[in-house]
Amino acid sequence: MALAFRAAYEKANGEPPSDAFSPYAFDGWLVFMDAARRAKATGAVPGTQGFRNALREALFATRDVVGTHGIYSYTPADRHGVDDRARILVQIENGKYKLLP
């Protein structure tokens, strides 16, 4: 997903991303679009209080949305959304990143 984001960013902007914030914003968009699609499937009409309620419920029911910085799942008790699958350790070896077990 991170490589797909980078390619799309480069295509749209003519240069690679140079910060961590743009992929986080992209991840937020992915989570929002997933929840909005599910909220709309309930029959709620966008722009209404019913849709806003359905969207809120859909956000808290988000499971396993793959983003650039992690895999997002939310509950009312866990609003951070990123679990241990997003945590990795790397080491720089000979000028390259090496994934540690």
C-alpha atoms as a PDB file:
ATOM      1  CA  MET A   1       0.000   0.000   0.000  1.00  0.00           C
ATOM      2  CA  ALA A   2       2.842   2.385   0.807  1.00  0.00           C
ATOM      3  CA  LEU A   3       4.359   1.871  -2.639  1.00  0.00           C
ATOM      4  CA  ALA A   4       0.972   2.375  -4.324  1.00  0.00           C
ATOM      5  CA  PHE A   5       0.533   5.618  -2.364  1.00  0.00           C
ATOM      6  CA  ARG A   6       4.012   6.783  -3.346  1.00  0.00           C
ATOM      7  CA  ALA A   7       3.341   6.100  -7.040  1.00  0.00           C
ATOM      8  CA  ALA A   8      -0.006   7.936  -6.921  1.00  0.00           C
ATOM      9  CA  TYR A   9       1.567  10.867  -5.073  1.00  0.00           C
ATOM     10  CA  GLU A  10       4.403  11.121  -7.599  1.00  0.00           C
ATOM     11  CA  LYS A  11       1.944  10.974 -10.498  1.00  0.00           C
ATOM     12  CA  ALA A  12      -0.201  13.743  -8.993  1.00  0.00           C
ATOM     13  CA  ASN A  13       2.629  15.987  -7.781  1.00  0.00           C
ATOM     14  CA  GLY A  14       5.590  15.258 -10.032  1.00  0.00           C
ATOM     15  CA  GLU A  15       7.818  14.381  -7.078  1.00  0.00           C
ATOM     16  CA  PRO A  16       7.936  11.787  -4.294  1.00  0.00           C
ATOM     17  CA  PRO A  17       6.406  12.563  -0.894  1.00  0.00           C
ATOM     18  CA  SER A  18       8.922  14.074   1.505  1.00  0.00           C
ATOM     19  CA  ASP A  19       7.003  13.786   4.762  1.00  0.00           C
ATOM     20  CA  ALA A  20       5.082  11.290   6.885  1.00  0.00           C
ATOM     21  CA  PHE A  21       1.961  13.453   7.042  1.00  0.00           C
ATOM     22  CA  SER A  22       0.656  12.917   3.511  1.00  0.00           C
ATOM     23  CA  PRO A  23       0.486   9.112   3.870  1.00  0.00           C
ATOM     24  CA  TYR A  24      -1.284   9.518   7.233  1.00  0.00           C
ATOM     25  CA  ALA A  25      -3.839  11.763   5.528  1.00  0.00           C
ATOM     26  CA  PHE A  26      -4.220   9.129   2.801  1.00  0.00           C
ATOM     27  CA  ASP A  27      -4.801   6.471   5.467  1.00  0.00           C
ATOM     28  CA  GLY A  28      -7.493   8.675   7.021  1.00  0.00           C
ATOM     29  CA  TRP A  29      -9.141   8.948   3.608  1.00  0.00           C
ATOM     30  CA  LEU A  30      -9.059   5.150   3.198  1.00  0.00           C
ATOM     31  CA  VAL A  31     -10.681   4.630   6.613  1.00  0.00           C
ATOM     32  CA  PHE A  32     -13.292   7.321   5.925  1.00  0.00           C
ATOM     33  CA  MET A  33     -14.184   5.952   2.470  1.00  0.00           C
ATOM     34  CA  ASP A  34     -14.550   2.435   3.867  1.00  0.00           C
ATOM     35  CA  ALA A  35     -16.862   3.664   6.638  1.00  0.00           C
ATOM     36  CA  ALA A  36     -18.828   5.977   4.324  1.00  0.00           C
ATOM     37  CA  ARG A  37     -19.469   3.129   1.877  1.00  0.00           C
ATOM     38  CA  ARG A  38     -20.811   0.951   4.699  1.00  0.00           C
ATOM     39  CA  ALA A  39     -22.872   3.817   6.177  1.00  0.00           C
ATOM     40  CA  LYS A  40     -24.464   4.491   2.792  1.00  0.00           C
ATOM     41  CA  ALA A  41     -25.273   0.773   2.424  1.00  0.00           C
ATOM     42  CA  THR A  42     -27.572   1.108   5.465  1.00  0.00           C
ATOM     43  CA  GLY A  43     -29.886   3.265   3.355  1.00  0.00           C
ATOM     44  CA  ALA A  44     -29.091   6.430   5.280  1.00  0.00           C
ATOM     45  CA  VAL A  45     -29.067   9.551   3.120  1.00  0.00           C
ATOM     46  CA  PRO A  46     -25.797  11.532   3.057  1.00  0.00           C
ATOM     47  CA  GLY A  47     -26.150  14.952   4.663  1.00  0.00           C
ATOM     48  CA  THR A  48     -28.718  13.799   7.220  1.00  0.00           C
ATOM     49  CA  GLN A  49     -28.369  13.129  10.926  1.00  0.00           C
ATOM     50  CA  GLY A  50     -29.189   9.489  10.186  1.00  0.00           C
ATOM     51  CA  PHE A  51     -26.192   9.264   7.862  1.00  0.00           C
ATOM     52  CA  ARG A  52     -23.908  10.924  10.400  1.00  0.00           C
ATOM     53  CA  ASN A  53     -25.038   8.394  13.008  1.00  0.00           C
ATOM     54  CA  ALA A  54     -24.511   5.505  10.560  1.00  0.00           C
ATOM     55  CA  LEU A  55     -21.070   6.881   9.653  1.00  0.00           C
ATOM     56  CA  ARG A  56     -20.065   7.086  13.318  1.00  0.00           C
ATOM     57  CA  GLU A  57     -21.185   3.499  13.893  1.00  0.00           C
ATOM     58  CA  ALA A  58     -19.400   2.375  10.723  1.00  0.00           C
ATOM     59  CA  LEU A  59     -16.161   4.045  11.860  1.00  0.00           C
ATOM     60  CA  PHE A  60     -16.282   2.136  15.150  1.00  0.00           C
ATOM     61  CA  ALA A  61     -16.949  -1.071  13.206  1.00  0.00           C
ATOM     62  CA  THR A  62     -13.950  -0.581  10.891  1.00  0.00           C
ATOM     63  CA  ARG A  63     -11.850  -3.725  10.656  1.00  0.00           C
ATOM     64  CA  ASP A  64      -8.613  -4.472   8.838  1.00  0.00           C
ATOM     65  CA  VAL A  65      -8.383  -1.454   6.511  1.00  0.00           C
ATOM     66  CA  VAL A  66      -4.865  -1.646   5.044  1.00  0.00           C
ATOM     67  CA  GLY A  67      -3.132   1.726   4.900  1.00  0.00           C
ATOM     68  CA  THR A  68       0.362   3.031   4.326  1.00  0.00           C
ATOM     69  CA  HIS A  69       1.259   3.166   8.029  1.00  0.00           C
ATOM     70  CA  GLY A  70      -0.678   0.190   9.352  1.00  0.00           C
ATOM     71  CA  ILE A  71      -3.809  -1.903   9.399  1.00  0.00           C
ATOM     72  CA  TYR A  72      -6.686  -0.001  10.979  1.00  0.00           C
ATOM     73  CA  SER A  73      -9.420  -1.456  13.197  1.00  0.00           C
ATOM     74  CA  TYR A  74     -11.520   0.634  15.599  1.00  0.00           C
ATOM     75  CA  THR A  75     -13.878   0.118  18.521  1.00  0.00           C
ATOM     76  CA  PRO A  76     -15.513   2.633  20.875  1.00  0.00           C
ATOM     77  CA  ALA A  77     -12.818   1.643  23.405  1.00  0.00           C
ATOM     78  CA  ASP A  78      -9.898   1.774  20.931  1.00  0.00           C
ATOM     79  CA  ARG A  79      -9.856   4.957  18.887  1.00  0.00           C
ATOM     80  CA  HIS A  80      -6.181   4.640  17.966  1.00  0.00           C
ATOM     81  CA  GLY A  81      -6.924   1.812  15.569  1.00  0.00           C
ATOM     82  CA  VAL A  82      -3.443   0.475  14.849  1.00  0.00           C
ATOM     83  CA  ASP A  83      -2.481  -2.838  16.417  1.00  0.00           C
ATOM     84  CA  ASP A  84       0.787  -4.737  16.681  1.00  0.00           C
ATOM     85  CA  ARG A  85       0.722  -5.694  12.990  1.00  0.00           C
ATOM     86  CA  ALA A  86       1.890  -2.141  12.205  1.00  0.00           C
ATOM     87  CA  ARG A  87       4.913  -2.346  14.463  1.00  0.00           C
ATOM     88  CA  ILE A  88       8.148  -3.441  12.881  1.00  0.00           C
ATOM     89  CA  LEU A  89      11.795  -3.109  13.729  1.00  0.00           C
ATOM     90  CA  VAL A  90      14.402  -2.351  11.119  1.00  0.00           C
ATOM     91  CA  GLN A  91      18.136  -1.961  11.217  1.00  0.00           C
ATOM     92  CA  ILE A  92      20.289  -0.069   8.759  1.00  0.00           C
ATOM     93  CA  GLU A  93      22.897  -2.417   7.394  1.00  0.00           C
ATOM     94  CA  ASN A  94      25.277  -1.351   4.605  1.00  0.00           C
ATOM     95  CA  GLY A  95      23.125   1.705   3.979  1.00  0.00           C
ATOM     96  CA  LYS A  96      19.904  -0.314   3.510  1.00  0.00           C
ATOM     97  CA  TYR A  97      16.991  -1.111   5.763  1.00  0.00           C
ATOM     98  CA  LYS A  98      16.887  -4.699   7.016  1.00  0.00           C
ATOM     99  CA  LEU A  99      13.690  -6.049   8.604  1.00  0.00           C
ATOM    100  CA  LEU A 100      14.363  -7.600  11.999  1.00  0.00           C
ATOM    101  CA  PRO A 101      12.426 -10.677  13.183  1.00  0.00           C
END
